[in-house]
């Protein structure tokens, strides 16, 4: 009897080992083939590359290449900002805090990026102020940081992707210059019309507007605008500019007051969070990313300080990451951000579980060949197989997200490329080649 039992135990152990082997085998095959693609690549040994491929269904890291090393993430940073929003502001974004005192309404900004935003068009806070029959007083001073983030490039100040950070942003914190017909020049908000100065000494043959660094003086050449011209130029922010824009928009006088935000201040909520997150992720909106961090600080009852809210998010929500990130801004404009591919994999897993709805999640992410910053990276298709976030700076180009294989397997990936001298187009092409291989062969 004992011999029979021993044989049964041995048989059971062998069966378990065999079944485990065959369960792991598909991922081992994937790992071997992906490894071969990296080894045979003529591109991927010429610069710093970090890569991780993960099977969430089996909680197994399939393949890694320097996945524990730190890389500059660029706009992959927005995945951290996104996840923080899912935890802190899952429904809607706070737009205004206020109290009523006698015949006065005192209000504070929350950092809400949707407020009169070009795409999001948040108007609820403006409507609340416009419909009030009380005297309006703006209390400033909640945001304690600089107008640029930690490590931002100052000479990008005139570019659309680097608006200044404020506690009550309006109109994306940019001036919009457009022309439907050649030779026209329409300026919005109109209050900036008088700030535009023709530079007769500028012999440029193409029309372009350049703001002075420290003032709202906008210079343009004698050259005429072309048809359908469009340029966004960040304006120089200040409390005075905020008051003027508010008064001009509300058609009401708005005065400044020194008043500390009380705990019982009421909140006006604006855009739905999913809409704001889509604007954050699909076009990779830096302005939305930075301002969202301030709204999180408001929700958490913190001082409006980017370093302080990032520290609070890391302590409260990111302790599961295998490598502590160096995270300094919301958008990834700073090269001070440093993340590892395997930490991004863990973050992607946490995002997937937090949303708990694949269709909803993928609607908020760029889709290869279809939407957002991945639309032109992959061949055009109605059924994309890659959903993720790109990130680009000079010498930096990354993708992190989700890939669906032809057999329907969902894999998480982080593909980080740093310190290359080739063109970004070449780097993108190689990433697409590898991710398409993974999709086609597994």
Protein backbone atom coordinates (compact mmCIF):
# COMPACT_ATOMS: atom_id res chain seq x y z
CA UNK A 1 0.00 0.00 0.00
CA UNK A 2 2.82 2.38 0.94
CA UNK A 3 4.52 1.70 -2.39
CA UNK A 4 1.31 2.50 -4.26
CA UNK A 5 0.92 5.77 -2.33
CA UNK A 6 4.52 6.70 -3.04
CA UNK A 7 4.02 6.08 -6.75
CA UNK A 8 0.82 8.18 -6.77
CA UNK A 9 2.58 11.05 -4.98
CA UNK A 10 5.49 10.85 -7.41
CA UNK A 11 3.11 10.75 -10.37
CA UNK A 12 1.19 13.76 -9.02
CA UNK A 13 4.40 15.73 -8.55
CA UNK A 14 5.54 14.89 -12.05
CA UNK A 15 2.16 15.90 -13.46
CA UNK A 16 2.32 19.24 -11.60
CA UNK A 17 5.84 19.91 -12.90
CA UNK A 18 4.80 18.96 -16.43
CA UNK A 19 1.66 21.14 -16.37
CA UNK A 20 3.63 24.06 -14.95
CA UNK A 21 6.24 23.63 -17.67
CA UNK A 22 3.64 23.66 -20.43
CA UNK A 23 1.81 26.64 -18.83
CA UNK A 24 5.05 28.66 -18.89
CA UNK A 25 6.14 27.47 -22.31
CA UNK A 26 4.17 29.99 -24.45
CA UNK A 27 5.73 32.94 -22.61
CA UNK A 28 9.16 31.32 -22.82
CA UNK A 29 8.72 31.06 -26.57
CA UNK A 30 7.72 34.73 -26.74
CA UNK A 31 10.74 35.70 -24.64
CA UNK A 32 13.12 33.74 -26.88
CA UNK A 33 11.75 35.23 -30.10
CA UNK A 34 11.62 38.82 -28.79
CA UNK A 35 15.17 38.45 -27.48
CA UNK A 36 16.25 37.38 -30.96
CA UNK A 37 14.57 40.46 -32.48
CA UNK A 38 16.58 42.70 -30.16
CA UNK A 39 19.85 40.87 -30.84
CA UNK A 40 19.36 40.97 -34.61
CA UNK A 41 18.34 44.63 -34.71
CA UNK A 42 20.80 46.93 -36.45
CA UNK A 43 19.43 49.88 -34.45
CA UNK A 44 18.87 48.86 -30.85
CA UNK A 45 22.52 48.47 -29.83
CA UNK A 46 23.48 52.00 -30.88
CA UNK A 47 21.93 53.86 -27.93
CA UNK A 48 20.41 53.26 -24.52
CA UNK A 49 17.35 51.02 -24.73
CA UNK A 50 15.16 49.74 -21.91
CA UNK A 51 12.36 47.30 -22.60
CA UNK A 52 9.91 45.24 -20.58
CA UNK A 53 7.11 42.94 -21.75
CA UNK A 54 4.64 41.63 -19.20
CA UNK A 55 1.76 39.16 -19.18
CA UNK A 56 -0.79 40.50 -16.72
CA UNK A 57 -2.95 37.35 -16.90
CA UNK A 58 -0.16 35.23 -15.44
CA UNK A 59 1.57 38.09 -13.55
CA UNK A 60 4.75 37.17 -15.41
CA UNK A 61 7.50 39.37 -16.81
CA UNK A 62 8.12 37.76 -20.19
CA UNK A 63 11.17 39.65 -21.37
CA UNK A 64 13.38 42.44 -20.01
CA UNK A 65 16.26 44.46 -21.35
CA UNK A 66 17.76 46.89 -18.82
CA UNK A 67 14.28 47.18 -17.34
CA UNK A 68 15.72 48.07 -13.94
CA UNK A 69 17.72 51.01 -15.30
CA UNK A 70 16.49 54.60 -15.14
CA UNK A 71 15.53 56.46 -18.34
CA UNK A 72 14.29 59.93 -19.19
CA UNK A 73 10.56 59.30 -19.74
CA UNK A 74 9.48 62.55 -21.48
CA UNK A 75 5.67 62.41 -21.81
CA UNK A 76 5.48 58.88 -20.42
CA UNK A 77 5.39 60.95 -17.22
CA UNK A 78 1.76 61.70 -18.02
CA UNK A 79 0.92 58.08 -17.13
CA UNK A 80 1.77 58.98 -13.52
CA UNK A 81 -0.38 62.12 -13.71
CA UNK A 82 -3.18 60.04 -15.23
CA UNK A 83 -3.06 57.37 -12.54
CA UNK A 84 -3.05 59.99 -9.79
CA UNK A 85 -6.18 61.49 -11.34
CA UNK A 86 -7.94 58.14 -11.42
CA UNK A 87 -7.33 57.84 -7.68
CA UNK A 88 -7.92 61.46 -6.59
CA UNK A 89 -10.45 62.92 -9.05
CA UNK A 90 -12.24 59.97 -10.66
CA UNK A 91 -15.47 61.79 -11.54
CA UNK A 92 -14.96 65.49 -12.24
CA UNK A 93 -12.38 68.24 -11.85
CA UNK A 94 -12.73 71.01 -9.22
CA UNK A 95 -12.85 74.37 -10.98
CA UNK A 96 -13.51 77.01 -8.33
CA UNK A 97 -13.60 77.37 -4.55
CA UNK A 98 -15.73 80.13 -3.04
CA UNK A 99 -17.45 81.60 0.01
CA UNK A 100 -20.19 84.19 0.25
CA UNK A 101 -19.80 86.96 2.82
CA UNK A 102 -22.66 89.47 2.94
CA UNK A 103 -22.81 91.17 -0.46
CA UNK A 104 -19.49 89.65 -1.57
CA UNK A 105 -18.43 86.44 -3.27
CA UNK A 106 -14.79 85.55 -2.65
CA UNK A 107 -13.28 82.89 -4.91
CA UNK A 108 -10.05 80.95 -5.38
CA UNK A 109 -8.62 79.05 -8.33
CA UNK A 110 -8.05 75.30 -8.19
CA UNK A 111 -5.69 75.02 -11.17
CA UNK A 112 -8.51 73.66 -13.36
CA UNK A 113 -7.12 73.37 -16.92
CA UNK A 114 -10.58 73.02 -18.50
CA UNK A 115 -11.58 76.59 -17.62
CA UNK A 116 -12.34 78.17 -21.03
CA UNK A 117 -9.97 75.62 -22.58
CA UNK A 118 -9.92 75.56 -26.40
CA UNK A 119 -11.09 71.92 -26.53
CA UNK A 120 -12.59 71.19 -23.09
CA UNK A 121 -14.54 74.46 -22.94
CA UNK A 122 -15.16 74.37 -19.19
CA UNK A 123 -17.63 77.15 -18.36
CA UNK A 124 -19.35 76.14 -15.11
CA UNK A 125 -17.12 78.29 -12.90
CA UNK A 126 -17.51 81.27 -15.24
CA UNK A 127 -21.28 80.79 -15.29
CA UNK A 128 -21.37 80.64 -11.49
CA UNK A 129 -19.51 83.95 -11.27
CA UNK A 130 -21.53 85.53 -14.05
CA UNK A 131 -24.87 84.55 -12.48
CA UNK A 132 -23.96 85.82 -9.02
CA UNK A 133 -25.48 89.15 -7.98
CA UNK A 134 -22.69 89.74 -5.45
CA UNK A 135 -19.47 91.72 -5.72
CA UNK A 136 -16.65 89.50 -6.96
CA UNK A 137 -13.28 89.20 -5.22
CA UNK A 138 -10.45 86.98 -6.41
CA UNK A 139 -8.12 85.72 -3.67
CA UNK A 140 -4.75 84.76 -5.10
CA UNK A 141 -1.65 83.15 -3.64
CA UNK A 142 -2.65 79.47 -3.52
CA UNK A 143 -0.02 78.38 -6.05
CA UNK A 144 3.43 78.70 -4.52
CA UNK A 145 5.62 77.53 -7.40
CA UNK A 146 7.35 79.13 -10.37
CA UNK A 147 5.65 79.83 -13.69
CA UNK A 148 7.80 77.06 -15.25
CA UNK A 149 8.28 73.54 -13.91
CA UNK A 150 11.46 72.08 -12.47
CA UNK A 151 14.09 71.73 -15.21
CA UNK A 152 12.04 73.21 -18.06
CA UNK A 153 13.88 74.77 -20.99
CA UNK A 154 13.41 78.53 -20.71
CA UNK A 155 13.96 79.16 -24.44
CA UNK A 156 10.81 77.17 -25.28
CA UNK A 157 8.70 79.90 -23.64
CA UNK A 158 7.23 81.00 -26.99
CA UNK A 159 6.14 77.50 -28.03
CA UNK A 160 2.55 76.33 -27.65
CA UNK A 161 3.51 73.27 -25.61
CA UNK A 162 4.98 75.23 -22.68
CA UNK A 163 2.36 77.58 -21.19
CA UNK A 164 3.01 78.94 -17.73
CA UNK A 165 1.53 77.32 -14.60
CA UNK A 166 -1.08 79.30 -12.62
CA UNK A 167 -3.69 78.71 -9.96
CA UNK A 168 -6.50 79.97 -12.19
CA UNK A 169 -5.61 79.34 -15.83
CA UNK A 170 -7.80 80.79 -18.55
CA UNK A 171 -7.90 80.08 -22.30
CA UNK A 172 -5.09 77.46 -22.01
CA UNK A 173 -2.83 80.33 -20.85
CA UNK A 174 -2.12 81.05 -24.52
CA UNK A 175 -2.95 83.69 -27.11
CA UNK A 176 -4.39 82.21 -30.29
CA UNK A 177 -3.52 83.84 -33.62
CA UNK A 178 -5.52 82.67 -36.65
CA UNK A 179 -6.36 83.68 -40.19
CA UNK A 180 -8.98 82.14 -42.46
CA UNK A 181 -7.71 84.11 -45.43
CA UNK A 182 -4.18 85.20 -46.29
CA UNK A 183 -3.31 88.55 -44.74
CA UNK A 184 -5.81 88.34 -41.88
CA UNK A 185 -4.80 88.24 -38.23
CA UNK A 186 -7.36 87.38 -35.57
CA UNK A 187 -6.26 87.44 -31.95
CA UNK A 188 -7.97 85.69 -29.04
CA UNK A 189 -8.50 86.71 -26.26
CA UNK A 190 -9.11 90.10 -27.82
CA UNK A 191 -7.71 91.97 -24.81
CA UNK A 192 -4.25 91.14 -26.21
CA UNK A 193 -4.88 93.02 -29.49
CA UNK A 194 -3.05 96.12 -28.26
CA UNK A 195 -0.05 93.98 -27.23
CA UNK A 196 0.81 93.06 -30.84
CA UNK A 197 3.52 95.15 -32.47
CA UNK A 198 4.69 94.98 -36.07
CA UNK A 199 8.45 94.72 -36.41
CA UNK A 200 9.26 96.56 -39.62
CA UNK A 201 12.93 95.63 -39.30
CA UNK A 202 12.10 91.92 -39.39
CA UNK A 203 12.68 90.75 -42.97
CA UNK A 204 11.36 87.21 -42.41
CA UNK A 205 9.46 85.84 -45.40
CA UNK A 206 7.20 83.68 -43.23
CA UNK A 207 4.76 85.06 -40.67
CA UNK A 208 5.38 84.09 -37.05
CA UNK A 209 4.74 85.78 -33.71
CA UNK A 210 7.43 86.11 -31.03
CA UNK A 211 6.63 87.26 -27.48
CA UNK A 212 9.13 89.07 -25.34
CA UNK A 213 10.25 86.76 -22.54
CA UNK A 214 9.19 88.85 -19.54
CA UNK A 215 6.33 90.89 -20.99
CA UNK A 216 3.17 90.52 -23.05
CA UNK A 217 4.59 92.29 -26.07
CA UNK A 218 4.10 90.19 -29.19
CA UNK A 219 6.19 91.02 -32.27
CA UNK A 220 5.39 89.98 -35.83
CA UNK A 221 7.07 90.68 -39.20
CA UNK A 222 5.80 92.53 -42.25
CA UNK A 223 5.21 89.17 -43.93
CA UNK A 224 1.53 88.34 -44.23
CA UNK A 225 -0.27 85.38 -42.70
CA UNK A 226 -1.16 82.48 -44.97
CA UNK A 227 -4.68 81.09 -45.31
CA UNK A 228 -5.71 78.90 -42.35
CA UNK A 229 -2.74 80.10 -40.30
CA UNK A 230 -2.78 79.16 -36.60
CA UNK A 231 -0.29 79.80 -33.82
CA UNK A 232 -0.61 79.50 -30.06
CA UNK A 233 1.76 81.64 -28.01
CA UNK A 234 1.85 81.36 -24.20
CA UNK A 235 1.13 84.71 -22.57
CA UNK A 236 3.04 86.06 -19.57
CA UNK A 237 0.85 85.28 -16.58
CA UNK A 238 0.22 87.49 -13.56
CA UNK A 239 -2.57 88.24 -11.11
CA UNK A 240 -3.26 91.43 -13.06
CA UNK A 241 -3.70 89.50 -16.32
CA UNK A 242 -6.03 87.03 -14.57
CA UNK A 243 -8.19 89.86 -13.20
CA UNK A 244 -8.35 91.59 -16.59
CA UNK A 245 -9.26 88.37 -18.43
CA UNK A 246 -11.95 87.57 -15.85
CA UNK A 247 -13.46 91.05 -16.00
CA UNK A 248 -13.40 91.01 -19.79
CA UNK A 249 -15.05 87.58 -19.93
CA UNK A 250 -17.63 88.18 -17.19
CA UNK A 251 -18.36 91.78 -18.20
CA UNK A 252 -18.10 92.50 -14.48
CA UNK A 253 -15.58 94.14 -12.21
CA UNK A 254 -13.39 91.68 -10.29
CA UNK A 255 -11.29 92.95 -7.40
CA UNK A 256 -8.29 91.42 -5.65
CA UNK A 257 -8.48 90.43 -1.99
CA UNK A 258 -6.06 88.90 0.50
CA UNK A 259 -8.11 86.13 2.10
CA UNK A 260 -7.09 82.66 3.26
CA UNK A 261 -9.15 79.77 1.88
CA UNK A 262 -11.39 78.51 4.71
CA UNK A 263 -12.08 74.82 5.22
CA UNK A 264 -15.80 75.29 4.59
CA UNK A 265 -15.34 76.88 1.13
CA UNK A 266 -17.70 75.42 -1.45
CA UNK A 267 -16.57 73.87 -4.72
CA UNK A 268 -17.78 74.30 -8.28
CA UNK A 269 -16.89 71.27 -10.40
CA UNK A 270 -16.26 71.58 -14.11
CA UNK A 271 -15.43 69.03 -16.80
CA UNK A 272 -15.82 65.29 -16.43
CA UNK A 273 -12.53 63.69 -15.47
CA UNK A 274 -12.52 61.23 -18.39
CA UNK A 275 -12.79 64.13 -20.87
CA UNK A 276 -9.86 65.91 -19.22
CA UNK A 277 -7.83 62.69 -19.11
CA UNK A 278 -8.42 62.17 -22.84
CA UNK A 279 -7.12 65.66 -23.52
CA UNK A 280 -4.15 64.89 -21.28
CA UNK A 281 -3.29 61.63 -23.03
CA UNK A 282 -4.37 61.72 -26.69
CA UNK A 283 -2.69 64.96 -27.83
CA UNK A 284 -0.24 64.79 -24.88
CA UNK A 285 -1.30 68.17 -23.51
CA UNK A 286 1.47 69.53 -21.26
CA UNK A 287 -0.68 72.39 -19.99
CA UNK A 288 -3.41 70.01 -18.82
CA UNK A 289 -0.83 67.77 -17.16
CA UNK A 290 0.74 70.51 -15.06
CA UNK A 291 -2.55 72.07 -14.06
CA UNK A 292 -4.07 68.71 -13.10
CA UNK A 293 -1.43 68.29 -10.38
CA UNK A 294 -2.69 71.52 -8.81
CA UNK A 295 -6.29 70.28 -8.86
CA UNK A 296 -5.10 67.11 -7.09
CA UNK A 297 -3.48 69.28 -4.42
CA UNK A 298 -6.81 71.08 -4.00
CA UNK A 299 -8.67 67.76 -3.67
CA UNK A 300 -6.17 66.47 -1.11
CA UNK A 301 -6.28 69.68 0.92
CA UNK A 302 -2.61 70.42 0.23
CA UNK A 303 -0.72 73.58 -0.58
CA UNK A 304 -0.68 74.13 -4.35
CA UNK A 305 2.90 73.01 -4.77
CA UNK A 306 3.97 70.59 -7.50
CA UNK A 307 6.75 68.97 -5.41
CA UNK A 308 4.45 68.56 -2.40
CA UNK A 309 1.57 67.00 -4.30
CA UNK A 310 3.93 64.64 -6.17
CA UNK A 311 5.46 63.58 -2.84
CA UNK A 312 1.97 62.94 -1.42
CA UNK A 313 0.95 60.89 -4.48
CA UNK A 314 4.10 58.78 -4.27
CA UNK A 315 3.65 58.12 -0.58
CA UNK A 316 -0.05 57.32 -0.85
CA UNK A 317 -0.42 55.54 -4.18
CA UNK A 318 2.93 54.45 -5.66
CA UNK A 319 4.62 52.35 -2.98
CA UNK A 320 4.17 49.16 -5.06
CA UNK A 321 6.55 50.31 -7.80
CA UNK A 322 9.72 48.18 -7.92
CA UNK A 323 11.95 51.26 -8.35
CA UNK A 324 11.22 54.61 -6.72
CA UNK A 325 10.69 57.14 -9.51
CA UNK A 326 12.35 60.51 -9.67
CA UNK A 327 9.25 62.50 -10.57
CA UNK A 328 9.41 66.30 -10.79
CA UNK A 329 6.61 67.57 -13.07
CA UNK A 330 3.26 66.53 -14.49
CA UNK A 331 4.00 66.62 -18.20
CA UNK A 332 7.50 65.22 -18.72
CA UNK A 333 8.93 68.46 -20.11
CA UNK A 334 11.70 68.17 -17.51
CA UNK A 335 14.71 65.91 -17.95
CA UNK A 336 14.73 65.66 -14.16
CA UNK A 337 12.17 62.84 -14.40
CA UNK A 338 13.69 59.35 -14.31
CA UNK A 339 11.69 56.09 -14.40
CA UNK A 340 12.53 52.44 -15.05
CA UNK A 341 10.67 50.35 -17.65
CA UNK A 342 9.63 47.80 -15.02
CA UNK A 343 8.13 50.56 -12.85
CA UNK A 344 6.14 51.74 -15.85
CA UNK A 345 4.91 48.17 -16.35
CA UNK A 346 3.68 48.08 -12.75
CA UNK A 347 2.03 51.46 -13.21
CA UNK A 348 0.27 50.26 -16.37
CA UNK A 349 -1.02 47.24 -14.45
CA UNK A 350 -2.31 49.51 -11.66
CA UNK A 351 -4.00 51.78 -14.21
CA UNK A 352 -5.67 48.81 -15.92
CA UNK A 353 -7.02 47.49 -12.62
CA UNK A 354 -8.11 50.93 -11.41
CA UNK A 355 -10.15 51.66 -14.53
CA UNK A 356 -11.41 48.06 -14.61
CA UNK A 357 -12.93 48.61 -18.06
CA UNK A 358 -10.70 47.94 -21.06
CA UNK A 359 -12.89 49.78 -23.55
CA UNK A 360 -13.04 52.89 -21.35
CA UNK A 361 -9.31 52.82 -20.67
CA UNK A 362 -8.35 52.40 -24.31
CA UNK A 363 -10.66 55.30 -25.27
CA UNK A 364 -8.45 57.58 -23.15
CA UNK A 365 -5.17 56.42 -24.71
CA UNK A 366 -3.61 57.03 -28.12
CA UNK A 367 -4.35 54.07 -30.41
CA UNK A 368 -1.81 52.94 -33.00
CA UNK A 369 -2.90 53.94 -36.49
CA UNK A 370 -6.09 55.60 -35.25
CA UNK A 371 -5.96 58.28 -32.54
CA UNK A 372 -3.72 60.64 -30.64
CA UNK A 373 0.07 60.66 -30.79
CA UNK A 374 0.12 57.06 -32.09
CA UNK A 375 -2.20 57.77 -35.00
CA UNK A 376 0.59 58.29 -37.52
CA UNK A 377 3.12 55.94 -35.91
CA UNK A 378 1.38 52.73 -36.99
CA UNK A 379 -0.44 51.92 -40.25
CA UNK A 380 -3.95 53.34 -40.38
CA UNK A 381 -6.55 50.88 -39.12
CA UNK A 382 -10.01 50.64 -37.59
CA UNK A 383 -8.81 47.92 -35.23
CA UNK A 384 -5.64 49.11 -33.51
CA UNK A 385 -3.53 46.66 -31.53
CA UNK A 386 -1.39 49.13 -29.57
CA UNK A 387 -2.76 51.55 -26.95
CA UNK A 388 -0.30 53.64 -25.00
CA UNK A 389 1.58 56.82 -24.27
CA UNK A 390 4.42 58.26 -26.29
CA UNK A 391 7.17 60.49 -24.95
CA UNK A 392 9.56 62.62 -26.98
CA UNK A 393 12.35 65.08 -26.23
CA UNK A 394 15.60 65.66 -28.09
CA UNK A 395 17.35 62.27 -28.03
CA UNK A 396 14.40 60.65 -26.22
CA UNK A 397 11.52 58.65 -27.72
CA UNK A 398 9.44 56.17 -25.74
CA UNK A 399 6.23 54.15 -25.82
CA UNK A 400 4.56 52.49 -22.85
CA UNK A 401 1.18 50.81 -22.96
CA UNK A 402 -0.78 47.75 -23.99
CA UNK A 403 -0.46 45.47 -27.03
CA UNK A 404 -3.07 42.95 -28.15
CA UNK A 405 -1.62 39.99 -30.07
CA UNK A 406 -3.33 38.28 -33.01
CA UNK A 407 -4.27 35.43 -30.69
CA UNK A 408 -6.00 37.90 -28.37
CA UNK A 409 -3.34 37.96 -25.66
CA UNK A 410 -3.06 41.27 -23.76
CA UNK A 411 0.51 42.23 -22.93
CA UNK A 412 1.93 45.31 -21.19
CA UNK A 413 5.07 46.92 -22.54
CA UNK A 414 7.47 49.77 -21.91
CA UNK A 415 9.93 50.65 -24.68
CA UNK A 416 12.35 53.44 -23.75
CA UNK A 417 15.01 54.93 -26.04
CA UNK A 418 17.48 57.53 -24.73
CA UNK A 419 20.60 59.32 -25.96
CA UNK A 420 20.34 58.54 -29.65
CA UNK A 421 21.68 60.71 -32.48
CA UNK A 422 19.55 59.15 -35.20
CA UNK A 423 16.32 60.81 -36.28
CA UNK A 424 13.29 60.24 -34.09
CA UNK A 425 11.52 58.86 -37.16
CA UNK A 426 14.08 56.02 -37.32
CA UNK A 427 13.64 55.24 -33.63
CA UNK A 428 9.87 55.24 -33.99
CA UNK A 429 10.06 52.94 -37.01
CA UNK A 430 12.14 50.41 -35.07
CA UNK A 431 9.75 50.45 -32.10
CA UNK A 432 6.80 49.94 -34.42
CA UNK A 433 8.61 47.05 -36.10
CA UNK A 434 9.21 45.27 -32.79
CA UNK A 435 5.69 45.88 -31.44
CA UNK A 436 4.14 44.77 -34.73
CA UNK A 437 6.25 41.60 -34.58
CA UNK A 438 4.93 40.88 -31.09
CA UNK A 439 1.37 41.46 -32.28
CA UNK A 440 1.70 39.33 -35.41
CA UNK A 441 3.49 36.32 -33.94
CA UNK A 442 1.83 35.56 -30.61
